[in-house]
Amino acid sequence: MQLERVALALRPRTSWEAMDLGFAMARLWWRPVWGAWCAVYLPVALVLHLILPGNLLLASLVLWWLKPAFDRVVLQVLGGAVFGALASTRKTLGALKTAMTPGLIASLTVYRFDLARSFNLPVWQLERARGGAARRRAHILHRRARGHAVWLTLICLHFELIIMFSLMMLRDMLTPLPYQPEFGWSAVFAGGDE
């Protein structure tokens, strides 16, 4: 690690300041973040749509289950940017093979419902810690900020749900009748009967 290339001020931060810094980084480097994320997410979504035609609910569930893999793409971009190596989408995609290890299988299985999973991700991906070393490092970090990470996850989850239900409702409102939704606002709350 070359400290002279770090793109932010290194200093102790409170958990709130650290969360604010994360959002500021996402705003500053939004183009490479969204470029790399879309370059991974959209092909996976397309393949799922082709494999599961007419089963939007199952395809959406699989995409949701794979979120820990998509989180690694974002961290790959932001981690490089912090250390002065803001990579293009192509370079980020080339580095994904190493970014997906260690810990991807664990984050898709054992830790899938851990609300601090994204908080632990830098320990696996950036520090490259494994097994007991990763658990000890995460335990040290949890003493100070696990509660904040869990609350941030819950708040962001609620924003996602609001956006998802708003989009489903908008689609239902703008679709002319007669319409039998397979997956949408009407299907969720009215059992699909209109």
Protein backbone atom coordinates (compact mmCIF):
# COMPACT_ATOMS: atom_id res chain seq x y z
CA MET A 1 0.00 0.00 0.00
CA GLN A 2 1.40 3.38 -1.03
CA LEU A 3 0.11 5.92 1.45
CA GLU A 4 1.19 8.90 -0.65
CA ARG A 5 -1.34 7.85 -3.34
CA VAL A 6 -4.34 7.68 -0.99
CA ALA A 7 -7.14 9.90 -2.34
CA LEU A 8 -8.67 10.80 1.03
CA ALA A 9 -7.50 12.18 4.35
CA LEU A 10 -6.45 9.36 6.66
CA ARG A 11 -7.67 10.06 10.18
CA PRO A 12 -9.77 8.37 12.82
CA ARG A 13 -13.48 8.80 12.07
CA THR A 14 -16.65 8.12 13.98
CA SER A 15 -18.99 5.54 12.51
CA TRP A 16 -21.27 8.31 11.25
CA GLU A 17 -18.37 10.09 9.54
CA ALA A 18 -17.27 6.81 7.97
CA MET A 19 -20.76 6.23 6.54
CA ASP A 20 -20.84 9.79 5.21
CA LEU A 21 -17.42 9.25 3.64
CA GLY A 22 -18.70 6.10 1.93
CA PHE A 23 -21.64 7.99 0.41
CA ALA A 24 -19.32 10.83 -0.65
CA MET A 25 -17.02 8.33 -2.38
CA ALA A 26 -19.97 6.75 -4.17
CA ARG A 27 -21.08 10.21 -5.38
CA LEU A 28 -17.58 11.22 -6.46
CA TRP A 29 -16.80 8.04 -8.39
CA TRP A 30 -20.34 7.23 -9.53
CA ARG A 31 -19.48 6.72 -13.20
CA PRO A 32 -16.92 3.95 -12.76
CA VAL A 33 -19.01 2.39 -9.97
CA TRP A 34 -22.20 2.27 -12.03
CA GLY A 35 -20.33 1.34 -15.21
CA ALA A 36 -18.69 -1.70 -13.64
CA TRP A 37 -21.80 -2.68 -11.68
CA CYS A 38 -24.03 -2.52 -14.79
CA ALA A 39 -21.43 -4.42 -16.83
CA VAL A 40 -21.78 -7.32 -14.39
CA TYR A 41 -25.41 -7.03 -13.29
CA LEU A 42 -27.12 -6.55 -16.67
CA PRO A 43 -25.63 -9.66 -18.37
CA VAL A 44 -26.54 -11.78 -15.33
CA ALA A 45 -30.07 -10.35 -15.37
CA LEU A 46 -30.36 -11.03 -19.10
CA VAL A 47 -29.17 -14.62 -18.72
CA LEU A 48 -31.65 -15.18 -15.88
CA HIS A 49 -34.42 -13.69 -18.01
CA LEU A 50 -33.53 -16.10 -20.84
CA ILE A 51 -33.24 -19.10 -18.52
CA LEU A 52 -36.43 -18.29 -16.60
CA PRO A 53 -38.81 -16.85 -19.21
CA GLY A 54 -42.10 -15.73 -17.72
CA ASN A 55 -40.89 -16.22 -14.15
CA LEU A 56 -39.91 -12.70 -13.15
CA LEU A 57 -40.35 -13.39 -9.44
CA LEU A 58 -37.83 -16.26 -9.41
CA ALA A 59 -35.36 -14.32 -11.57
CA SER A 60 -35.64 -11.34 -9.20
CA LEU A 61 -35.10 -13.62 -6.21
CA VAL A 62 -31.93 -15.08 -7.77
CA LEU A 63 -30.62 -11.58 -8.54
CA TRP A 64 -31.32 -10.56 -4.96
CA TRP A 65 -29.50 -13.66 -3.68
CA LEU A 66 -26.46 -12.76 -5.81
CA LYS A 67 -26.21 -9.23 -4.34
CA PRO A 68 -23.08 -10.13 -2.32
CA ALA A 69 -21.28 -10.84 -5.62
CA PHE A 70 -22.43 -7.51 -7.08
CA ASP A 71 -21.28 -5.71 -3.91
CA ARG A 72 -17.76 -6.94 -4.64
CA VAL A 73 -17.76 -5.08 -7.96
CA VAL A 74 -18.53 -1.78 -6.22
CA LEU A 75 -15.88 -2.38 -3.57
CA GLN A 76 -13.33 -3.24 -6.27
CA VAL A 77 -13.88 0.14 -7.92
CA LEU A 78 -13.95 2.16 -4.69
CA GLY A 79 -11.00 0.31 -3.16
CA GLY A 80 -8.87 1.05 -6.21
CA ALA A 81 -10.01 4.68 -6.33
CA VAL A 82 -9.09 5.29 -2.69
CA PHE A 83 -5.55 4.13 -3.37
CA GLY A 84 -5.16 6.30 -6.48
CA ALA A 85 -5.89 3.59 -9.04
CA LEU A 86 -9.34 4.43 -10.38
CA ALA A 87 -9.74 1.67 -12.95
CA SER A 88 -11.82 1.64 -16.09
CA THR A 89 -14.75 -0.73 -16.35
CA ARG A 90 -12.66 -3.08 -18.48
CA LYS A 91 -9.84 -3.23 -15.92
CA THR A 92 -12.34 -3.72 -13.11
CA LEU A 93 -13.95 -6.62 -14.96
CA GLY A 94 -10.49 -8.11 -15.54
CA ALA A 95 -9.77 -7.95 -11.80
CA LEU A 96 -13.06 -9.59 -10.79
CA LYS A 97 -11.57 -13.07 -10.68
CA THR A 98 -9.42 -12.08 -7.72
CA ALA A 99 -12.12 -9.79 -6.28
CA MET A 100 -14.55 -12.69 -5.94
CA THR A 101 -12.28 -14.54 -3.54
CA PRO A 102 -11.99 -15.17 -0.65
CA GLY A 103 -15.37 -15.34 1.05
CA LEU A 104 -17.84 -15.27 -1.86
CA ILE A 105 -19.28 -18.71 -1.12
CA ALA A 106 -19.60 -17.82 2.57
CA SER A 107 -21.33 -14.52 1.76
CA LEU A 108 -23.80 -16.35 -0.50
CA THR A 109 -24.55 -19.05 2.08
CA VAL A 110 -23.62 -18.78 5.76
CA TYR A 111 -23.46 -14.97 5.93
CA ARG A 112 -26.21 -14.21 3.37
CA PHE A 113 -28.62 -12.91 6.03
CA ASP A 114 -25.96 -11.22 8.18
CA LEU A 115 -26.94 -7.55 8.22
CA ALA A 116 -23.27 -6.58 8.65
CA ARG A 117 -22.16 -8.60 5.60
CA SER A 118 -21.18 -5.53 3.57
CA PHE A 119 -19.29 -4.20 6.60
CA ASN A 120 -17.24 -7.42 6.66
CA LEU A 121 -16.61 -7.43 2.91
CA PRO A 122 -13.44 -5.26 2.97
CA VAL A 123 -11.87 -7.71 5.43
CA TRP A 124 -12.29 -10.51 2.88
CA GLN A 125 -11.79 -8.64 -0.36
CA LEU A 126 -9.34 -5.83 0.36
CA GLU A 127 -7.38 -7.30 3.28
CA ARG A 128 -7.58 -10.81 1.73
CA ALA A 129 -8.14 -12.33 5.18
CA ARG A 130 -9.46 -15.90 5.43
CA GLY A 131 -10.87 -18.22 8.05
CA GLY A 132 -9.97 -17.48 11.65
CA ALA A 133 -7.94 -14.41 10.76
CA ALA A 134 -10.95 -12.87 8.99
CA ARG A 135 -13.25 -13.68 11.92
CA ARG A 136 -10.82 -12.14 14.45
CA ARG A 137 -10.40 -8.99 12.33
CA ALA A 138 -14.17 -8.66 11.84
CA HIS A 139 -14.72 -9.16 15.58
CA ILE A 140 -12.36 -6.27 16.35
CA LEU A 141 -14.19 -4.02 13.89
CA HIS A 142 -17.61 -5.14 15.18
CA ARG A 143 -16.87 -3.92 18.68
CA ARG A 144 -16.82 -0.37 17.42
CA ALA A 145 -19.24 -0.15 14.51
CA ARG A 146 -21.35 -3.28 13.87
CA GLY A 147 -24.52 -1.60 15.16
CA HIS A 148 -24.07 1.33 12.81
CA ALA A 149 -23.45 -1.02 9.86
CA VAL A 150 -26.60 -3.01 10.64
CA TRP A 151 -28.73 0.13 10.88
CA LEU A 152 -27.32 1.44 7.61
CA THR A 153 -28.20 -1.86 5.93
CA LEU A 154 -31.75 -1.72 7.29
CA ILE A 155 -32.23 1.89 6.18
CA CYS A 156 -30.91 1.15 2.67
CA LEU A 157 -33.13 -1.95 2.50
CA HIS A 158 -36.16 0.20 3.18
CA PHE A 159 -35.12 2.65 0.44
CA GLU A 160 -34.79 -0.27 -1.98
CA LEU A 161 -38.23 -1.57 -1.05
CA ILE A 162 -39.80 1.86 -1.49
CA ILE A 163 -38.24 2.23 -4.93
CA MET A 164 -39.22 -1.31 -5.97
CA PHE A 165 -42.86 -0.94 -4.90
CA SER A 166 -43.03 2.54 -6.44
CA LEU A 167 -41.83 1.21 -9.79
CA MET A 168 -44.29 -1.69 -9.66
CA MET A 169 -47.13 0.69 -8.82
CA LEU A 170 -46.10 3.06 -11.62
CA ARG A 171 -46.11 0.20 -14.11
CA ASP A 172 -49.56 -0.91 -12.97
CA MET A 173 -50.89 2.65 -13.13
CA LEU A 174 -49.57 3.25 -16.66
CA THR A 175 -50.63 -0.10 -18.14
CA PRO A 176 -54.03 -0.01 -19.86
CA LEU A 177 -56.80 -2.40 -18.83
CA PRO A 178 -57.51 -5.31 -19.23
CA TYR A 179 -54.25 -6.37 -17.67
CA GLN A 180 -53.40 -9.45 -15.63
CA PRO A 181 -50.13 -8.75 -13.81
CA GLU A 182 -47.75 -11.60 -13.10
CA PHE A 183 -45.59 -9.52 -10.84
CA GLY A 184 -46.41 -6.03 -9.74
CA TRP A 185 -48.18 -3.91 -7.19
CA SER A 186 -51.54 -5.52 -7.94
CA ALA A 187 -50.13 -9.04 -7.82
CA VAL A 188 -48.42 -8.44 -4.50
CA PHE A 189 -51.36 -6.92 -2.65
CA ALA A 190 -54.43 -8.17 -4.50
CA GLY A 191 -53.29 -11.70 -5.24
CA GLY A 192 -53.05 -10.98 -8.97
CA ASP A 193 -56.82 -10.57 -9.50
CA GLU A 194 -58.10 -7.34 -10.94
